[in-house]
Amino acid sequence: MSVRFPVFSKLSHLMLTEKIGKYTFGALMVFLSFCPILQSICFSEGFKQRMRLGENDPVWLSIPMCMSNCLKTLTFKKLHAYNSEICFLK
């Protein structure tokens, strides 16, 4: 059974207040695909240290359109400089 998100057609700014881990990152990428005009994302806590995300990770095969078309600002309030955070920034 798959869950279908509604389209968040007016969401332009998103603030995430929890650390992002392996499972929440996958859900976040799916969620972002339903945010067509998203212009800014703020990670207030950054990523979890144990999250393993690399440049060749399969998650990059499907980038949400908002990240390549609309996203103007990406903020890490607590950048730990973990490999997964750096990879996401790239």
PDB file of N, CA and C in Angstrom:
ATOM      1  N   MET A   1       0.849  -1.186   0.000  1.00  0.00           N
ATOM      2  CA  MET A   1       0.000   0.000   0.000  1.00  0.00           C
ATOM      3  C   MET A   1       0.886   1.237   0.000  1.00  0.00           C
ATOM      4  N   SER A   2       0.685   2.122  -0.942  1.00  0.00           N
ATOM      5  CA  SER A   2       1.486   3.337  -0.998  1.00  0.00           C
ATOM      6  C   SER A   2       0.670   4.528  -0.505  1.00  0.00           C
ATOM      7  N   VAL A   3       1.357   5.454   0.100  1.00  0.00           N
ATOM      8  CA  VAL A   3       0.725   6.659   0.618  1.00  0.00           C
ATOM      9  C   VAL A   3       0.906   7.754  -0.419  1.00  0.00           C
ATOM     10  N   ARG A   4      -0.134   8.461  -0.711  1.00  0.00           N
ATOM     11  CA  ARG A   4      -0.090   9.540  -1.698  1.00  0.00           C
ATOM     12  C   ARG A   4      -0.273  10.870  -0.973  1.00  0.00           C
ATOM     13  N   PHE A   5       0.724  11.745  -1.104  1.00  0.00           N
ATOM     14  CA  PHE A   5       0.640  13.071  -0.507  1.00  0.00           C
ATOM     15  C   PHE A   5      -0.206  13.981  -1.385  1.00  0.00           C
ATOM     16  N   PRO A   6      -0.864  14.964  -0.781  1.00  0.00           N
ATOM     17  CA  PRO A   6      -1.496  15.995  -1.603  1.00  0.00           C
ATOM     18  C   PRO A   6      -0.400  16.924  -2.133  1.00  0.00           C
ATOM     19  N   VAL A   7      -0.684  17.680  -3.147  1.00  0.00           N
ATOM     20  CA  VAL A   7       0.268  18.659  -3.657  1.00  0.00           C
ATOM     21  C   VAL A   7       0.160  19.901  -2.784  1.00  0.00           C
ATOM     22  N   PHE A   8       1.305  20.353  -2.282  1.00  0.00           N
ATOM     23  CA  PHE A   8       1.357  21.565  -1.454  1.00  0.00           C
ATOM     24  C   PHE A   8       1.707  22.727  -2.368  1.00  0.00           C
ATOM     25  N   SER A   9       0.729  23.195  -3.123  1.00  0.00           N
ATOM     26  CA  SER A   9       0.950  24.164  -4.199  1.00  0.00           C
ATOM     27  C   SER A   9       1.275  25.575  -3.718  1.00  0.00           C
ATOM     28  N   LYS A  10       1.090  25.855  -2.434  1.00  0.00           N
ATOM     29  CA  LYS A  10       1.398  27.193  -1.912  1.00  0.00           C
ATOM     30  C   LYS A  10       2.569  27.194  -0.938  1.00  0.00           C
ATOM     31  N   LEU A  11       3.165  26.033  -0.692  1.00  0.00           N
ATOM     32  CA  LEU A  11       4.267  25.945   0.265  1.00  0.00           C
ATOM     33  C   LEU A  11       5.557  26.438  -0.387  1.00  0.00           C
ATOM     34  N   SER A  12       6.068  27.549   0.106  1.00  0.00           N
ATOM     35  CA  SER A  12       7.293  28.102  -0.476  1.00  0.00           C
ATOM     36  C   SER A  12       8.471  28.061   0.495  1.00  0.00           C
ATOM     37  N   HIS A  13       8.206  27.892   1.796  1.00  0.00           N
ATOM     38  CA  HIS A  13       9.271  27.851   2.797  1.00  0.00           C
ATOM     39  C   HIS A  13       9.016  26.683   3.752  1.00  0.00           C
ATOM     40  N   LEU A  14      10.082  25.921   4.037  1.00  0.00           N
ATOM     41  CA  LEU A  14       9.952  24.751   4.899  1.00  0.00           C
ATOM     42  C   LEU A  14      11.058  24.765   5.939  1.00  0.00           C
ATOM     43  N   MET A  15      10.678  24.668   7.211  1.00  0.00           N
ATOM     44  CA  MET A  15      11.661  24.569   8.289  1.00  0.00           C
ATOM     45  C   MET A  15      11.513  23.203   8.945  1.00  0.00           C
ATOM     46  N   LEU A  16      12.618  22.466   8.999  1.00  0.00           N
ATOM     47  CA  LEU A  16      12.649  21.149   9.618  1.00  0.00           C
ATOM     48  C   LEU A  16      13.353  21.278  10.954  1.00  0.00           C
ATOM     49  N   THR A  17      12.681  20.871  12.034  1.00  0.00           N
ATOM     50  CA  THR A  17      13.189  21.127  13.382  1.00  0.00           C
ATOM     51  C   THR A  17      13.783  19.908  14.071  1.00  0.00           C
ATOM     52  N   GLU A  18      13.824  18.779  13.403  1.00  0.00           N
ATOM     53  CA  GLU A  18      14.420  17.560  13.962  1.00  0.00           C
ATOM     54  C   GLU A  18      15.621  17.166  13.114  1.00  0.00           C
ATOM     55  N   LYS A  19      16.551  16.416  13.715  1.00  0.00           N
ATOM     56  CA  LYS A  19      17.672  15.890  12.938  1.00  0.00           C
ATOM     57  C   LYS A  19      17.135  14.918  11.892  1.00  0.00           C
ATOM     58  N   ILE A  20      17.722  14.975  10.719  1.00  0.00           N
ATOM     59  CA  ILE A  20      17.294  14.127   9.621  1.00  0.00           C
ATOM     60  C   ILE A  20      18.136  12.862   9.618  1.00  0.00           C
ATOM     61  N   GLY A  21      17.458  11.714   9.612  1.00  0.00           N
ATOM     62  CA  GLY A  21      18.126  10.420   9.584  1.00  0.00           C
ATOM     63  C   GLY A  21      17.836   9.689   8.287  1.00  0.00           C
ATOM     64  N   LYS A  22      18.294   8.468   8.210  1.00  0.00           N
ATOM     65  CA  LYS A  22      18.167   7.655   7.005  1.00  0.00           C
ATOM     66  C   LYS A  22      16.716   7.534   6.544  1.00  0.00           C
ATOM     67  N   TYR A  23      15.822   7.198   7.455  1.00  0.00           N
ATOM     68  CA  TYR A  23      14.430   6.981   7.073  1.00  0.00           C
ATOM     69  C   TYR A  23      13.685   8.288   6.847  1.00  0.00           C
ATOM     70  N   THR A  24      13.957   9.285   7.663  1.00  0.00           N
ATOM     71  CA  THR A  24      13.284  10.570   7.463  1.00  0.00           C
ATOM     72  C   THR A  24      13.767  11.252   6.192  1.00  0.00           C
ATOM     73  N   PHE A  25      15.016  10.998   5.782  1.00  0.00           N
ATOM     74  CA  PHE A  25      15.517  11.605   4.554  1.00  0.00           C
ATOM     75  C   PHE A  25      14.752  11.085   3.342  1.00  0.00           C
ATOM     76  N   GLY A  26      14.511   9.794   3.296  1.00  0.00           N
ATOM     77  CA  GLY A  26      13.738   9.224   2.193  1.00  0.00           C
ATOM     78  C   GLY A  26      12.337   9.804   2.133  1.00  0.00           C
ATOM     79  N   ALA A  27      11.700   9.914   3.280  1.00  0.00           N
ATOM     80  CA  ALA A  27      10.356  10.500   3.341  1.00  0.00           C
ATOM     81  C   ALA A  27      10.384  11.967   2.940  1.00  0.00           C
ATOM     82  N   LEU A  28      11.441  12.678   3.347  1.00  0.00           N
ATOM     83  CA  LEU A  28      11.575  14.092   2.979  1.00  0.00           C
ATOM     84  C   LEU A  28      11.671  14.248   1.469  1.00  0.00           C
ATOM     85  N   MET A  29      12.457  13.414   0.818  1.00  0.00           N
ATOM     86  CA  MET A  29      12.611  13.509  -0.637  1.00  0.00           C
ATOM     87  C   MET A  29      11.279  13.252  -1.343  1.00  0.00           C
ATOM     88  N   VAL A  30      10.491  12.308  -0.846  1.00  0.00           N
ATOM     89  CA  VAL A  30       9.166  12.065  -1.417  1.00  0.00           C
ATOM     90  C   VAL A  30       8.283  13.279  -1.191  1.00  0.00           C
ATOM     91  N   PHE A  31       8.276  13.809   0.041  1.00  0.00           N
ATOM     92  CA  PHE A  31       7.468  14.988   0.366  1.00  0.00           C
ATOM     93  C   PHE A  31       7.819  16.163  -0.541  1.00  0.00           C
ATOM     94  N   LEU A  32       9.117  16.390  -0.758  1.00  0.00           N
ATOM     95  CA  LEU A  32       9.546  17.523  -1.581  1.00  0.00           C
ATOM     96  C   LEU A  32       9.035  17.426  -3.017  1.00  0.00           C
ATOM     97  N   SER A  33       8.803  16.215  -3.484  1.00  0.00           N
ATOM     98  CA  SER A  33       8.283  16.069  -4.846  1.00  0.00           C
ATOM     99  C   SER A  33       6.837  16.557  -4.964  1.00  0.00           C
ATOM    100  N   PHE A  34       6.188  16.835  -3.844  1.00  0.00           N
ATOM    101  CA  PHE A  34       4.829  17.365  -3.838  1.00  0.00           C
ATOM    102  C   PHE A  34       4.791  18.845  -3.437  1.00  0.00           C
ATOM    103  N   CYS A  35       5.935  19.510  -3.526  1.00  0.00           N
ATOM    104  CA  CYS A  35       6.057  20.935  -3.184  1.00  0.00           C
ATOM    105  C   CYS A  35       6.614  21.676  -4.393  1.00  0.00           C
ATOM    106  N   PRO A  36       5.794  21.955  -5.404  1.00  0.00           N
ATOM    107  CA  PRO A  36       6.297  22.460  -6.681  1.00  0.00           C
ATOM    108  C   PRO A  36       6.901  23.861  -6.657  1.00  0.00           C
ATOM    109  N   ILE A  37       6.583  24.695  -5.669  1.00  0.00           N
ATOM    110  CA  ILE A  37       7.127  26.058  -5.661  1.00  0.00           C
ATOM    111  C   ILE A  37       8.039  26.327  -4.463  1.00  0.00           C
ATOM    112  N   LEU A  38       8.515  25.288  -3.822  1.00  0.00           N
ATOM    113  CA  LEU A  38       9.350  25.451  -2.627  1.00  0.00           C
ATOM    114  C   LEU A  38      10.607  26.242  -2.953  1.00  0.00           C
ATOM    115  N   GLN A  39      10.812  27.341  -2.239  1.00  0.00           N
ATOM    116  CA  GLN A  39      11.947  28.220  -2.505  1.00  0.00           C
ATOM    117  C   GLN A  39      13.028  28.152  -1.434  1.00  0.00           C
ATOM    118  N   SER A  40      12.675  27.711  -0.228  1.00  0.00           N
ATOM    119  CA  SER A  40      13.692  27.653   0.826  1.00  0.00           C
ATOM    120  C   SER A  40      13.431  26.487   1.767  1.00  0.00           C
ATOM    121  N   ILE A  41      14.537  25.858   2.180  1.00  0.00           N
ATOM    122  CA  ILE A  41      14.501  24.790   3.176  1.00  0.00           C
ATOM    123  C   ILE A  41      15.491  25.157   4.259  1.00  0.00           C
ATOM    124  N   CYS A  42      15.067  25.051   5.513  1.00  0.00           N
ATOM    125  CA  CYS A  42      15.946  25.309   6.645  1.00  0.00           C
ATOM    126  C   CYS A  42      16.008  24.051   7.510  1.00  0.00           C
ATOM    127  N   PHE A  43      17.217  23.537   7.688  1.00  0.00           N
ATOM    128  CA  PHE A  43      17.454  22.410   8.592  1.00  0.00           C
ATOM    129  C   PHE A  43      17.964  23.006   9.901  1.00  0.00           C
ATOM    130  N   SER A  44      17.116  23.060  10.919  1.00  0.00           N
ATOM    131  CA  SER A  44      17.550  23.698  12.159  1.00  0.00           C
ATOM    132  C   SER A  44      18.498  22.817  12.962  1.00  0.00           C
ATOM    133  N   GLU A  45      18.433  21.494  12.785  1.00  0.00           N
ATOM    134  CA  GLU A  45      19.287  20.575  13.545  1.00  0.00           C
ATOM    135  C   GLU A  45      20.263  19.783  12.677  1.00  0.00           C
ATOM    136  N   GLY A  46      20.177  19.899  11.373  1.00  0.00           N
ATOM    137  CA  GLY A  46      21.083  19.175  10.488  1.00  0.00           C
ATOM    138  C   GLY A  46      20.735  17.701  10.371  1.00  0.00           C
ATOM    139  N   PHE A  47      21.723  16.910   9.995  1.00  0.00           N
ATOM    140  CA  PHE A  47      21.540  15.477   9.788  1.00  0.00           C
ATOM    141  C   PHE A  47      22.119  14.707  10.968  1.00  0.00           C
ATOM    142  N   LYS A  48      21.634  13.493  11.142  1.00  0.00           N
ATOM    143  CA  LYS A  48      22.195  12.619  12.173  1.00  0.00           C
ATOM    144  C   LYS A  48      23.571  12.137  11.735  1.00  0.00           C
ATOM    145  N   GLN A  49      24.451  11.959  12.685  1.00  0.00           N
ATOM    146  CA  GLN A  49      25.823  11.573  12.388  1.00  0.00           C
ATOM    147  C   GLN A  49      25.908  10.219  11.687  1.00  0.00           C
ATOM    148  N   ARG A  50      25.073   9.288  12.089  1.00  0.00           N
ATOM    149  CA  ARG A  50      25.133   7.932  11.536  1.00  0.00           C
ATOM    150  C   ARG A  50      24.482   7.796  10.167  1.00  0.00           C
ATOM    151  N   MET A  51      23.879   8.852   9.659  1.00  0.00           N
ATOM    152  CA  MET A  51      23.254   8.767   8.346  1.00  0.00           C
ATOM    153  C   MET A  51      24.334   8.637   7.280  1.00  0.00           C
ATOM    154  N   ARG A  52      24.192   7.676   6.428  1.00  0.00           N
ATOM    155  CA  ARG A  52      25.173   7.431   5.367  1.00  0.00           C
ATOM    156  C   ARG A  52      24.543   7.815   4.034  1.00  0.00           C
ATOM    157  N   LEU A  53      24.984   8.919   3.489  1.00  0.00           N
ATOM    158  CA  LEU A  53      24.469   9.407   2.219  1.00  0.00           C
ATOM    159  C   LEU A  53      25.666   9.803   1.383  1.00  0.00           C
ATOM    160  N   GLY A  54      25.837   9.177   0.248  1.00  0.00           N
ATOM    161  CA  GLY A  54      26.974   9.469  -0.612  1.00  0.00           C
ATOM    162  C   GLY A  54      26.542  10.008  -1.953  1.00  0.00           C
ATOM    163  N   GLU A  55      27.515  10.460  -2.720  1.00  0.00           N
ATOM    164  CA  GLU A  55      27.218  11.038  -4.032  1.00  0.00           C
ATOM    165  C   GLU A  55      26.640  10.018  -5.000  1.00  0.00           C
ATOM    166  N   ASN A  56      26.927   8.745  -4.799  1.00  0.00           N
ATOM    167  CA  ASN A  56      26.420   7.695  -5.694  1.00  0.00           C
ATOM    168  C   ASN A  56      25.192   6.993  -5.130  1.00  0.00           C
ATOM    169  N   ASP A  57      24.590   7.550  -4.105  1.00  0.00           N
ATOM    170  CA  ASP A  57      23.415   6.948  -3.477  1.00  0.00           C
ATOM    171  C   ASP A  57      22.239   6.963  -4.463  1.00  0.00           C
ATOM    172  N   PRO A  58      21.456   5.885  -4.510  1.00  0.00           N
ATOM    173  CA  PRO A  58      20.305   5.818  -5.430  1.00  0.00           C
ATOM    174  C   PRO A  58      19.270   6.924  -5.231  1.00  0.00           C
ATOM    175  N   VAL A  59      19.256   7.552  -4.057  1.00  0.00           N
ATOM    176  CA  VAL A  59      18.268   8.610  -3.799  1.00  0.00           C
ATOM    177  C   VAL A  59      18.429   9.773  -4.792  1.00  0.00           C
ATOM    178  N   TRP A  60      19.614   9.962  -5.337  1.00  0.00           N
ATOM    179  CA  TRP A  60      19.866  11.074  -6.260  1.00  0.00           C
ATOM    180  C   TRP A  60      19.366  10.797  -7.678  1.00  0.00           C
ATOM    181  N   LEU A  61      18.881   9.584  -7.931  1.00  0.00           N
ATOM    182  CA  LEU A  61      18.353   9.264  -9.256  1.00  0.00           C
ATOM    183  C   LEU A  61      17.049  10.003  -9.531  1.00  0.00           C
ATOM    184  N   SER A  62      16.370  10.416  -8.475  1.00  0.00           N
ATOM    185  CA  SER A  62      15.099  11.128  -8.622  1.00  0.00           C
ATOM    186  C   SER A  62      15.103  12.361  -7.730  1.00  0.00           C
ATOM    187  N   ILE A  63      15.592  13.466  -8.254  1.00  0.00           N
ATOM    188  CA  ILE A  63      15.647  14.732  -7.518  1.00  0.00           C
ATOM    189  C   ILE A  63      14.299  15.437  -7.651  1.00  0.00           C
ATOM    190  N   PRO A  64      13.687  15.862  -6.541  1.00  0.00           N
ATOM    191  CA  PRO A  64      12.423  16.605  -6.646  1.00  0.00           C
ATOM    192  C   PRO A  64      12.599  17.856  -7.507  1.00  0.00           C
ATOM    193  N   MET A  65      11.609  18.127  -8.345  1.00  0.00           N
ATOM    194  CA  MET A  65      11.706  19.266  -9.269  1.00  0.00           C
ATOM    195  C   MET A  65      11.940  20.592  -8.562  1.00  0.00           C
ATOM    196  N   CYS A  66      11.368  20.753  -7.373  1.00  0.00           N
ATOM    197  CA  CYS A  66      11.540  22.035  -6.678  1.00  0.00           C
ATOM    198  C   CYS A  66      13.010  22.304  -6.374  1.00  0.00           C
ATOM    199  N   MET A  67      13.802  21.249  -6.165  1.00  0.00           N
ATOM    200  CA  MET A  67      15.221  21.447  -5.831  1.00  0.00           C
ATOM    201  C   MET A  67      16.017  21.953  -7.029  1.00  0.00           C
ATOM    202  N   SER A  68      15.627  21.588  -8.217  1.00  0.00           N
ATOM    203  CA  SER A  68      16.366  22.052  -9.383  1.00  0.00           C
ATOM    204  C   SER A  68      15.722  23.263 -10.051  1.00  0.00           C
ATOM    205  N   ASN A  69      14.424  23.488  -9.839  1.00  0.00           N
ATOM    206  CA  ASN A  69      13.737  24.583 -10.527  1.00  0.00           C
ATOM    207  C   ASN A  69      13.477  25.826  -9.678  1.00  0.00           C
ATOM    208  N   CYS A  70      13.151  25.646  -8.399  1.00  0.00           N
ATOM    209  CA  CYS A  70      12.657  26.769  -7.590  1.00  0.00           C
ATOM    210  C   CYS A  70      13.512  27.098  -6.379  1.00  0.00           C
ATOM    211  N   LEU A  71      14.210  26.119  -5.843  1.00  0.00           N
ATOM    212  CA  LEU A  71      14.914  26.300  -4.577  1.00  0.00           C
ATOM    213  C   LEU A  71      15.992  27.383  -4.696  1.00  0.00           C
ATOM    214  N   LYS A  72      15.887  28.395  -3.847  1.00  0.00           N
ATOM    215  CA  LYS A  72      16.833  29.518  -3.851  1.00  0.00           C
ATOM    216  C   LYS A  72      17.711  29.526  -2.615  1.00  0.00           C
ATOM    217  N   THR A  73      17.164  29.055  -1.481  1.00  0.00           N
ATOM    218  CA  THR A  73      17.880  29.130  -0.214  1.00  0.00           C
ATOM    219  C   THR A  73      17.840  27.786   0.498  1.00  0.00           C
ATOM    220  N   LEU A  74      19.018  27.335   0.922  1.00  0.00           N
ATOM    221  CA  LEU A  74      19.152  26.121   1.704  1.00  0.00           C
ATOM    222  C   LEU A  74      19.992  26.484   2.923  1.00  0.00           C
ATOM    223  N   THR A  75      19.408  26.321   4.118  1.00  0.00           N
ATOM    224  CA  THR A  75      20.068  26.746   5.346  1.00  0.00           C
ATOM    225  C   THR A  75      20.247  25.575   6.292  1.00  0.00           C
ATOM    226  N   PHE A  76      21.446  25.449   6.829  1.00  0.00           N
ATOM    227  CA  PHE A  76      21.728  24.523   7.917  1.00  0.00           C
ATOM    228  C   PHE A  76      22.095  25.385   9.120  1.00  0.00           C
ATOM    229  N   LYS A  77      21.205  25.500  10.094  1.00  0.00           N
ATOM    230  CA  LYS A  77      21.515  26.298  11.279  1.00  0.00           C
ATOM    231  C   LYS A  77      22.582  25.632  12.132  1.00  0.00           C
ATOM    232  N   LYS A  78      22.607  24.291  12.132  1.00  0.00           N
ATOM    233  CA  LYS A  78      23.630  23.536  12.847  1.00  0.00           C
ATOM    234  C   LYS A  78      24.307  22.604  11.857  1.00  0.00           C
ATOM    235  N   LEU A  79      25.227  23.140  11.104  1.00  0.00           N
ATOM    236  CA  LEU A  79      25.963  22.339  10.136  1.00  0.00           C
ATOM    237  C   LEU A  79      27.086  21.619  10.869  1.00  0.00           C
ATOM    238  N   HIS A  80      27.035  20.289  10.843  1.00  0.00           N
ATOM    239  CA  HIS A  80      28.047  19.482  11.519  1.00  0.00           C
ATOM    240  C   HIS A  80      29.175  19.097  10.570  1.00  0.00           C
ATOM    241  N   ALA A  81      28.975  19.351   9.287  1.00  0.00           N
ATOM    242  CA  ALA A  81      29.914  18.995   8.215  1.00  0.00           C
ATOM    243  C   ALA A  81      30.085  17.485   8.091  1.00  0.00           C
ATOM    244  N   TYR A  82      29.039  16.735   8.418  1.00  0.00           N
ATOM    245  CA  TYR A  82      29.046  15.293   8.178  1.00  0.00           C
ATOM    246  C   TYR A  82      29.044  15.077   6.665  1.00  0.00           C
ATOM    247  N   ASN A  83      29.557  13.946   6.227  1.00  0.00           N
ATOM    248  CA  ASN A  83      29.604  13.647   4.795  1.00  0.00           C
ATOM    249  C   ASN A  83      28.229  13.745   4.142  1.00  0.00           C
ATOM    250  N   SER A  84      27.192  13.278   4.832  1.00  0.00           N
ATOM    251  CA  SER A  84      25.849  13.316   4.257  1.00  0.00           C
ATOM    252  C   SER A  84      25.349  14.755   4.084  1.00  0.00           C
ATOM    253  N   GLU A  85      25.684  15.652   5.002  1.00  0.00           N
ATOM    254  CA  GLU A  85      25.284  17.051   4.865  1.00  0.00           C
ATOM    255  C   GLU A  85      26.010  17.698   3.678  1.00  0.00           C
ATOM    256  N   ILE A  86      27.292  17.430   3.556  1.00  0.00           N
ATOM    257  CA  ILE A  86      28.077  17.990   2.451  1.00  0.00           C
ATOM    258  C   ILE A  86      27.560  17.463   1.116  1.00  0.00           C
ATOM    259  N   CYS A  87      27.249  16.181   1.058  1.00  0.00           N
ATOM    260  CA  CYS A  87      26.707  15.580  -0.158  1.00  0.00           C
ATOM    261  C   CYS A  87      25.381  16.228  -0.516  1.00  0.00           C
ATOM    262  N   PHE A  88      24.528  16.471   0.456  1.00  0.00           N
ATOM    263  CA  PHE A  88      23.233  17.109   0.181  1.00  0.00           C
ATOM    264  C   PHE A  88      23.442  18.525  -0.351  1.00  0.00           C
ATOM    265  N   LEU A  89      24.379  19.241   0.208  1.00  0.00           N
ATOM    266  CA  LEU A  89      24.649  20.597  -0.260  1.00  0.00           C
ATOM    267  C   LEU A  89      25.136  20.625  -1.706  1.00  0.00           C
ATOM    268  N   LYS A  90      25.928  19.638  -2.060  1.00  0.00           N
ATOM    269  CA  LYS A  90      26.419  19.571  -3.455  1.00  0.00           C
ATOM    270  C   LYS A  90      25.266  19.395  -4.400  1.00  0.00           C
TER     271      LYS A  90
END
